[in-house]
């Protein structure tokens, strides 16, 4: 299962949860076209970061989890004046 979107910061982004099923959560990973360590799969963490409490999701919740993470990241950037 994967979710693709486009952002200003990362360009084309793909979120994955390779170990997830409909019943069990798996870690959520992100591949980005550019930005923070582009072209390298990164785990996403709470608060819109790449370090900290790693996020998990089922296949059905992957899109919702990815969108929430992106909102948290934008909020953090806005609060930091980025």
PDB file of N, CA and C in Angstrom:
ATOM      1  N   UNK A   1       0.845  -1.178   0.000  1.00  0.00           N
ATOM      2  CA  UNK A   1       0.000   0.000   0.000  1.00  0.00           C
ATOM      3  C   UNK A   1       0.884   1.232   0.000  1.00  0.00           C
ATOM      4  N   UNK A   2       0.501   2.222  -0.788  1.00  0.00           N
ATOM      5  CA  UNK A   2       1.246   3.472  -0.813  1.00  0.00           C
ATOM      6  C   UNK A   2       0.308   4.635  -1.085  1.00  0.00           C
ATOM      7  N   UNK A   3       0.780   5.812  -0.721  1.00  0.00           N
ATOM      8  CA  UNK A   3       0.034   7.052  -0.946  1.00  0.00           C
ATOM      9  C   UNK A   3       1.012   8.050  -1.547  1.00  0.00           C
ATOM     10  N   UNK A   4       0.650   8.611  -2.707  1.00  0.00           N
ATOM     11  CA  UNK A   4       1.503   9.589  -3.376  1.00  0.00           C
ATOM     12  C   UNK A   4       0.843  10.953  -3.348  1.00  0.00           C
ATOM     13  N   UNK A   5       1.692  11.980  -3.183  1.00  0.00           N
ATOM     14  CA  UNK A   5       1.218  13.358  -3.211  1.00  0.00           C
ATOM     15  C   UNK A   5       2.383  14.250  -3.636  1.00  0.00           C
ATOM     16  N   UNK A   6       2.111  15.531  -3.774  1.00  0.00           N
ATOM     17  CA  UNK A   6       3.148  16.492  -4.155  1.00  0.00           C
ATOM     18  C   UNK A   6       3.138  17.625  -3.143  1.00  0.00           C
ATOM     19  N   UNK A   7       4.331  18.029  -2.680  1.00  0.00           N
ATOM     20  CA  UNK A   7       4.440  19.110  -1.709  1.00  0.00           C
ATOM     21  C   UNK A   7       5.466  20.137  -2.195  1.00  0.00           C
ATOM     22  N   UNK A   8       5.388  21.324  -1.631  1.00  0.00           N
ATOM     23  CA  UNK A   8       6.375  22.352  -1.973  1.00  0.00           C
ATOM     24  C   UNK A   8       7.766  21.973  -1.474  1.00  0.00           C
ATOM     25  N   UNK A   9       7.814  21.448  -0.267  1.00  0.00           N
ATOM     26  CA  UNK A   9       9.112  21.144   0.354  1.00  0.00           C
ATOM     27  C   UNK A   9       9.816  19.961  -0.295  1.00  0.00           C
ATOM     28  N   UNK A  10       9.088  18.880  -0.543  1.00  0.00           N
ATOM     29  CA  UNK A  10       9.705  17.631  -0.986  1.00  0.00           C
ATOM     30  C   UNK A  10       9.466  17.290  -2.452  1.00  0.00           C
ATOM     31  N   UNK A  11       8.615  18.025  -3.135  1.00  0.00           N
ATOM     32  CA  UNK A  11       8.259  17.654  -4.501  1.00  0.00           C
ATOM     33  C   UNK A  11       7.352  16.433  -4.456  1.00  0.00           C
ATOM     34  N   UNK A  12       7.560  15.494  -5.349  1.00  0.00           N
ATOM     35  CA  UNK A  12       6.760  14.270  -5.362  1.00  0.00           C
ATOM     36  C   UNK A  12       7.144  13.375  -4.178  1.00  0.00           C
ATOM     37  N   UNK A  13       6.154  12.970  -3.402  1.00  0.00           N
ATOM     38  CA  UNK A  13       6.381  12.188  -2.188  1.00  0.00           C
ATOM     39  C   UNK A  13       5.538  10.915  -2.239  1.00  0.00           C
ATOM     40  N   UNK A  14       6.144   9.811  -1.823  1.00  0.00           N
ATOM     41  CA  UNK A  14       5.417   8.551  -1.717  1.00  0.00           C
ATOM     42  C   UNK A  14       5.560   8.038  -0.297  1.00  0.00           C
ATOM     43  N   UNK A  15       4.429   7.742   0.333  1.00  0.00           N
ATOM     44  CA  UNK A  15       4.407   7.165   1.674  1.00  0.00           C
ATOM     45  C   UNK A  15       4.096   5.678   1.557  1.00  0.00           C
ATOM     46  N   UNK A  16       4.810   4.855   2.326  1.00  0.00           N
ATOM     47  CA  UNK A  16       4.649   3.410   2.324  1.00  0.00           C
ATOM     48  C   UNK A  16       4.451   2.905   3.740  1.00  0.00           C
ATOM     49  N   UNK A  17       3.783   1.788   3.863  1.00  0.00           N
ATOM     50  CA  UNK A  17       3.741   1.034   5.120  1.00  0.00           C
ATOM     51  C   UNK A  17       3.879  -0.434   4.705  1.00  0.00           C
ATOM     52  N   UNK A  18       5.100  -0.858   4.336  1.00  0.00           N
ATOM     53  CA  UNK A  18       5.284  -2.171   3.716  1.00  0.00           C
ATOM     54  C   UNK A  18       4.868  -3.356   4.586  1.00  0.00           C
ATOM     55  N   UNK A  19       4.956  -3.247   5.875  1.00  0.00           N
ATOM     56  CA  UNK A  19       4.609  -4.375   6.740  1.00  0.00           C
ATOM     57  C   UNK A  19       3.152  -4.341   7.195  1.00  0.00           C
ATOM     58  N   UNK A  20       2.420  -3.307   6.804  1.00  0.00           N
ATOM     59  CA  UNK A  20       1.047  -3.131   7.277  1.00  0.00           C
ATOM     60  C   UNK A  20       0.075  -4.047   6.547  1.00  0.00           C
ATOM     61  N   UNK A  21      -0.972  -4.424   7.270  1.00  0.00           N
ATOM     62  CA  UNK A  21      -2.108  -5.129   6.690  1.00  0.00           C
ATOM     63  C   UNK A  21      -3.357  -4.347   7.104  1.00  0.00           C
ATOM     64  N   UNK A  22      -4.517  -4.870   6.782  1.00  0.00           N
ATOM     65  CA  UNK A  22      -5.755  -4.209   7.211  1.00  0.00           C
ATOM     66  C   UNK A  22      -5.947  -4.295   8.726  1.00  0.00           C
ATOM     67  N   UNK A  23      -5.341  -5.310   9.346  1.00  0.00           N
ATOM     68  CA  UNK A  23      -5.518  -5.521  10.784  1.00  0.00           C
ATOM     69  C   UNK A  23      -4.326  -5.093  11.633  1.00  0.00           C
ATOM     70  N   UNK A  24      -3.133  -5.042  11.042  1.00  0.00           N
ATOM     71  CA  UNK A  24      -1.921  -4.766  11.810  1.00  0.00           C
ATOM     72  C   UNK A  24      -1.190  -3.553  11.259  1.00  0.00           C
ATOM     73  N   UNK A  25      -0.643  -2.753  12.157  1.00  0.00           N
ATOM     74  CA  UNK A  25       0.102  -1.549  11.786  1.00  0.00           C
ATOM     75  C   UNK A  25       1.522  -1.889  11.364  1.00  0.00           C
ATOM     76  N   UNK A  26       2.052  -1.075  10.493  1.00  0.00           N
ATOM     77  CA  UNK A  26       3.458  -1.150  10.099  1.00  0.00           C
ATOM     78  C   UNK A  26       4.041   0.255  10.141  1.00  0.00           C
ATOM     79  N   UNK A  27       5.351   0.349  10.217  1.00  0.00           N
ATOM     80  CA  UNK A  27       5.997   1.659  10.217  1.00  0.00           C
ATOM     81  C   UNK A  27       5.743   2.364   8.892  1.00  0.00           C
ATOM     82  N   UNK A  28       5.592   3.688   8.961  1.00  0.00           N
ATOM     83  CA  UNK A  28       5.340   4.482   7.758  1.00  0.00           C
ATOM     84  C   UNK A  28       6.659   5.086   7.289  1.00  0.00           C
ATOM     85  N   UNK A  29       6.951   4.886   6.014  1.00  0.00           N
ATOM     86  CA  UNK A  29       8.170   5.373   5.375  1.00  0.00           C
ATOM     87  C   UNK A  29       7.812   6.391   4.306  1.00  0.00           C
ATOM     88  N   UNK A  30       8.773   7.254   3.984  1.00  0.00           N
ATOM     89  CA  UNK A  30       8.570   8.275   2.974  1.00  0.00           C
ATOM     90  C   UNK A  30       9.744   8.307   2.007  1.00  0.00           C
ATOM     91  N   UNK A  31       9.440   8.346   0.723  1.00  0.00           N
ATOM     92  CA  UNK A  31      10.434   8.602  -0.324  1.00  0.00           C
ATOM     93  C   UNK A  31      10.134   9.984  -0.884  1.00  0.00           C
ATOM     94  N   UNK A  32      11.146  10.834  -0.992  1.00  0.00           N
ATOM     95  CA  UNK A  32      10.935  12.193  -1.482  1.00  0.00           C
ATOM     96  C   UNK A  32      11.804  12.460  -2.699  1.00  0.00           C
ATOM     97  N   UNK A  33      11.278  13.267  -3.589  1.00  0.00           N
ATOM     98  CA  UNK A  33      11.989  13.672  -4.793  1.00  0.00           C
ATOM     99  C   UNK A  33      13.154  14.604  -4.456  1.00  0.00           C
ATOM    100  N   UNK A  34      12.925  15.476  -3.459  1.00  0.00           N
ATOM    101  CA  UNK A  34      13.973  16.420  -3.046  1.00  0.00           C
ATOM    102  C   UNK A  34      13.765  16.766  -1.571  1.00  0.00           C
ATOM    103  N   UNK A  35      14.658  17.568  -1.011  1.00  0.00           N
ATOM    104  CA  UNK A  35      14.520  17.989   0.377  1.00  0.00           C
ATOM    105  C   UNK A  35      15.372  17.144   1.290  1.00  0.00           C
ATOM    106  N   UNK A  36      14.860  16.925   2.484  1.00  0.00           N
ATOM    107  CA  UNK A  36      15.606  16.214   3.521  1.00  0.00           C
ATOM    108  C   UNK A  36      16.014  14.836   3.043  1.00  0.00           C
ATOM    109  N   UNK A  37      17.295  14.649   2.804  1.00  0.00           N
ATOM    110  CA  UNK A  37      17.852  13.382   2.333  1.00  0.00           C
ATOM    111  C   UNK A  37      17.018  12.809   1.189  1.00  0.00           C
ATOM    112  N   UNK A  38      16.903  13.572   0.144  1.00  0.00           N
ATOM    113  CA  UNK A  38      16.097  13.140  -0.994  1.00  0.00           C
ATOM    114  C   UNK A  38      16.617  11.820  -1.548  1.00  0.00           C
ATOM    115  N   UNK A  39      15.739  11.108  -2.200  1.00  0.00           N
ATOM    116  CA  UNK A  39      16.025   9.802  -2.804  1.00  0.00           C
ATOM    117  C   UNK A  39      16.462   8.768  -1.778  1.00  0.00           C
ATOM    118  N   UNK A  40      16.091   8.962  -0.538  1.00  0.00           N
ATOM    119  CA  UNK A  40      16.381   7.996   0.518  1.00  0.00           C
ATOM    120  C   UNK A  40      15.106   7.776   1.322  1.00  0.00           C
ATOM    121  N   UNK A  41      14.751   6.538   1.531  1.00  0.00           N
ATOM    122  CA  UNK A  41      13.549   6.227   2.294  1.00  0.00           C
ATOM    123  C   UNK A  41      13.776   6.589   3.761  1.00  0.00           C
ATOM    124  N   UNK A  42      12.832   7.367   4.320  1.00  0.00           N
ATOM    125  CA  UNK A  42      12.930   7.821   5.705  1.00  0.00           C
ATOM    126  C   UNK A  42      11.666   7.443   6.454  1.00  0.00           C
ATOM    127  N   UNK A  43      11.807   7.078   7.724  1.00  0.00           N
ATOM    128  CA  UNK A  43      10.632   6.857   8.564  1.00  0.00           C
ATOM    129  C   UNK A  43      10.126   8.213   9.032  1.00  0.00           C
ATOM    130  N   UNK A  44       8.803   8.358   9.067  1.00  0.00           N
ATOM    131  CA  UNK A  44       8.243   9.611   9.570  1.00  0.00           C
ATOM    132  C   UNK A  44       7.876   9.449  11.038  1.00  0.00           C
ATOM    133  N   UNK A  45       7.997  10.544  11.769  1.00  0.00           N
ATOM    134  CA  UNK A  45       7.772  10.510  13.213  1.00  0.00           C
ATOM    135  C   UNK A  45       6.772  11.582  13.626  1.00  0.00           C
ATOM    136  N   UNK A  46       6.256  11.453  14.814  1.00  0.00           N
ATOM    137  CA  UNK A  46       5.242  12.370  15.345  1.00  0.00           C
ATOM    138  C   UNK A  46       5.720  13.814  15.288  1.00  0.00           C
ATOM    139  N   UNK A  47       4.796  14.719  15.045  1.00  0.00           N
ATOM    140  CA  UNK A  47       5.089  16.145  15.040  1.00  0.00           C
ATOM    141  C   UNK A  47       5.604  16.676  13.718  1.00  0.00           C
ATOM    142  N   UNK A  48       5.677  15.837  12.687  1.00  0.00           N
ATOM    143  CA  UNK A  48       6.183  16.287  11.395  1.00  0.00           C
ATOM    144  C   UNK A  48       7.686  16.163  11.268  1.00  0.00           C
ATOM    145  N   UNK A  49       8.289  15.334  12.092  1.00  0.00           N
ATOM    146  CA  UNK A  49       9.743  15.181  12.112  1.00  0.00           C
ATOM    147  C   UNK A  49      10.179  13.830  11.555  1.00  0.00           C
ATOM    148  N   UNK A  50      11.505  13.636  11.495  1.00  0.00           N
ATOM    149  CA  UNK A  50      12.087  12.366  11.087  1.00  0.00           C
ATOM    150  C   UNK A  50      12.769  11.657  12.251  1.00  0.00           C
ATOM    151  N   UNK A  51      12.764  12.291  13.411  1.00  0.00           N
ATOM    152  CA  UNK A  51      13.333  11.700  14.628  1.00  0.00           C
ATOM    153  C   UNK A  51      12.278  11.733  15.718  1.00  0.00           C
ATOM    154  N   UNK A  52      12.239  10.714  16.535  1.00  0.00           N
ATOM    155  CA  UNK A  52      11.281  10.692  17.634  1.00  0.00           C
ATOM    156  C   UNK A  52      10.397   9.471  17.592  1.00  0.00           C
ATOM    157  N   UNK A  53       9.137   9.648  17.939  1.00  0.00           N
ATOM    158  CA  UNK A  53       8.177   8.541  17.977  1.00  0.00           C
ATOM    159  C   UNK A  53       7.738   8.205  16.554  1.00  0.00           C
ATOM    160  N   UNK A  54       8.205   7.053  16.060  1.00  0.00           N
ATOM    161  CA  UNK A  54       7.901   6.627  14.699  1.00  0.00           C
ATOM    162  C   UNK A  54       6.416   6.330  14.545  1.00  0.00           C
ATOM    163  N   UNK A  55       5.835   6.814  13.451  1.00  0.00           N
ATOM    164  CA  UNK A  55       4.412   6.599  13.201  1.00  0.00           C
ATOM    165  C   UNK A  55       4.166   5.247  12.550  1.00  0.00           C
ATOM    166  N   UNK A  56       3.024   4.661  12.893  1.00  0.00           N
ATOM    167  CA  UNK A  56       2.596   3.408  12.289  1.00  0.00           C
ATOM    168  C   UNK A  56       1.187   3.593  11.746  1.00  0.00           C
ATOM    169  N   UNK A  57       0.812   2.717  10.803  1.00  0.00           N
ATOM    170  CA  UNK A  57      -0.526   2.780  10.229  1.00  0.00           C
ATOM    171  C   UNK A  57      -0.887   1.434   9.621  1.00  0.00           C
ATOM    172  N   UNK A  58      -2.184   1.167   9.573  1.00  0.00           N
ATOM    173  CA  UNK A  58      -2.678   0.019   8.807  1.00  0.00           C
ATOM    174  C   UNK A  58      -2.763   0.463   7.346  1.00  0.00           C
ATOM    175  N   UNK A  59      -3.028  -0.474   6.451  1.00  0.00           N
ATOM    176  CA  UNK A  59      -3.164  -0.113   5.034  1.00  0.00           C
ATOM    177  C   UNK A  59      -4.274   0.910   4.838  1.00  0.00           C
ATOM    178  N   UNK A  60      -5.378   0.722   5.523  1.00  0.00           N
ATOM    179  CA  UNK A  60      -6.507   1.622   5.376  1.00  0.00           C
ATOM    180  C   UNK A  60      -6.278   3.013   5.948  1.00  0.00           C
ATOM    181  N   UNK A  61      -5.364   3.141   6.900  1.00  0.00           N
ATOM    182  CA  UNK A  61      -5.117   4.426   7.564  1.00  0.00           C
ATOM    183  C   UNK A  61      -3.878   5.143   7.036  1.00  0.00           C
ATOM    184  N   UNK A  62      -3.206   4.580   6.054  1.00  0.00           N
ATOM    185  CA  UNK A  62      -1.953   5.164   5.572  1.00  0.00           C
ATOM    186  C   UNK A  62      -2.145   6.588   5.044  1.00  0.00           C
ATOM    187  N   UNK A  63      -3.126   6.793   4.193  1.00  0.00           N
ATOM    188  CA  UNK A  63      -3.349   8.122   3.619  1.00  0.00           C
ATOM    189  C   UNK A  63      -3.650   9.145   4.709  1.00  0.00           C
ATOM    190  N   UNK A  64      -4.506   8.792   5.642  1.00  0.00           N
ATOM    191  CA  UNK A  64      -4.869   9.701   6.734  1.00  0.00           C
ATOM    192  C   UNK A  64      -3.650  10.029   7.595  1.00  0.00           C
ATOM    193  N   UNK A  65      -2.828   9.038   7.887  1.00  0.00           N
ATOM    194  CA  UNK A  65      -1.621   9.235   8.695  1.00  0.00           C
ATOM    195  C   UNK A  65      -0.631  10.144   7.965  1.00  0.00           C
ATOM    196  N   UNK A  66      -0.436   9.914   6.665  1.00  0.00           N
ATOM    197  CA  UNK A  66       0.496  10.724   5.870  1.00  0.00           C
ATOM    198  C   UNK A  66       0.025  12.174   5.791  1.00  0.00           C
ATOM    199  N   UNK A  67      -1.263  12.381   5.561  1.00  0.00           N
ATOM    200  CA  UNK A  67      -1.789  13.739   5.481  1.00  0.00           C
ATOM    201  C   UNK A  67      -1.671  14.468   6.818  1.00  0.00           C
ATOM    202  N   UNK A  68      -1.913  13.765   7.909  1.00  0.00           N
ATOM    203  CA  UNK A  68      -1.772  14.374   9.240  1.00  0.00           C
ATOM    204  C   UNK A  68      -0.322  14.762   9.495  1.00  0.00           C
ATOM    205  N   UNK A  69       0.623  13.896   9.109  1.00  0.00           N
ATOM    206  CA  UNK A  69       2.040  14.187   9.283  1.00  0.00           C
ATOM    207  C   UNK A  69       2.434  15.429   8.484  1.00  0.00           C
ATOM    208  N   UNK A  70       1.955  15.533   7.242  1.00  0.00           N
ATOM    209  CA  UNK A  70       2.266  16.703   6.418  1.00  0.00           C
ATOM    210  C   UNK A  70       1.703  17.979   7.034  1.00  0.00           C
ATOM    211  N   UNK A  71       0.493  17.917   7.596  1.00  0.00           N
ATOM    212  CA  UNK A  71      -0.080  19.084   8.280  1.00  0.00           C
ATOM    213  C   UNK A  71       0.772  19.484   9.482  1.00  0.00           C
ATOM    214  N   UNK A  72       1.201  18.491  10.262  1.00  0.00           N
ATOM    215  CA  UNK A  72       2.049  18.777  11.424  1.00  0.00           C
ATOM    216  C   UNK A  72       3.364  19.401  10.983  1.00  0.00           C
ATOM    217  N   UNK A  73       3.926  18.937   9.881  1.00  0.00           N
ATOM    218  CA  UNK A  73       5.182  19.482   9.380  1.00  0.00           C
ATOM    219  C   UNK A  73       5.003  20.940   8.953  1.00  0.00           C
ATOM    220  N   UNK A  74       3.925  21.229   8.240  1.00  0.00           N
ATOM    221  CA  UNK A  74       3.670  22.615   7.819  1.00  0.00           C
ATOM    222  C   UNK A  74       3.446  23.528   9.018  1.00  0.00           C
ATOM    223  N   UNK A  75       2.739  23.043  10.017  1.00  0.00           N
ATOM    224  CA  UNK A  75       2.512  23.831  11.235  1.00  0.00           C
ATOM    225  C   UNK A  75       3.829  24.128  11.926  1.00  0.00           C
ATOM    226  N   UNK A  76       4.683  23.126  12.065  1.00  0.00           N
ATOM    227  CA  UNK A  76       5.990  23.307  12.676  1.00  0.00           C
ATOM    228  C   UNK A  76       6.819  24.328  11.904  1.00  0.00           C
ATOM    229  N   UNK A  77       6.821  24.209  10.566  1.00  0.00           N
ATOM    230  CA  UNK A  77       7.597  25.141   9.739  1.00  0.00           C
ATOM    231  C   UNK A  77       7.069  26.572   9.900  1.00  0.00           C
ATOM    232  N   UNK A  78       5.761  26.726   9.926  1.00  0.00           N
ATOM    233  CA  UNK A  78       5.154  28.045  10.081  1.00  0.00           C
ATOM    234  C   UNK A  78       5.534  28.643  11.441  1.00  0.00           C
ATOM    235  N   UNK A  79       5.469  27.812  12.484  1.00  0.00           N
ATOM    236  CA  UNK A  79       5.809  28.284  13.830  1.00  0.00           C
ATOM    237  C   UNK A  79       7.299  28.669  13.942  1.00  0.00           C
ATOM    238  N   UNK A  80       8.144  28.004  13.166  1.00  0.00           N
ATOM    239  CA  UNK A  80       9.584  28.296  13.180  1.00  0.00           C
ATOM    240  C   UNK A  80       9.968  29.395  12.209  1.00  0.00           C
ATOM    241  N   UNK A  81       8.994  29.883  11.431  1.00  0.00           N
ATOM    242  CA  UNK A  81       9.281  30.954  10.470  1.00  0.00           C
ATOM    243  C   UNK A  81       9.988  30.483   9.224  1.00  0.00           C
ATOM    244  N   UNK A  82       9.817  29.242   8.882  1.00  0.00           N
ATOM    245  CA  UNK A  82      10.484  28.689   7.698  1.00  0.00           C
ATOM    246  C   UNK A  82       9.667  28.903   6.448  1.00  0.00           C
TER     247      UNK A  82
END
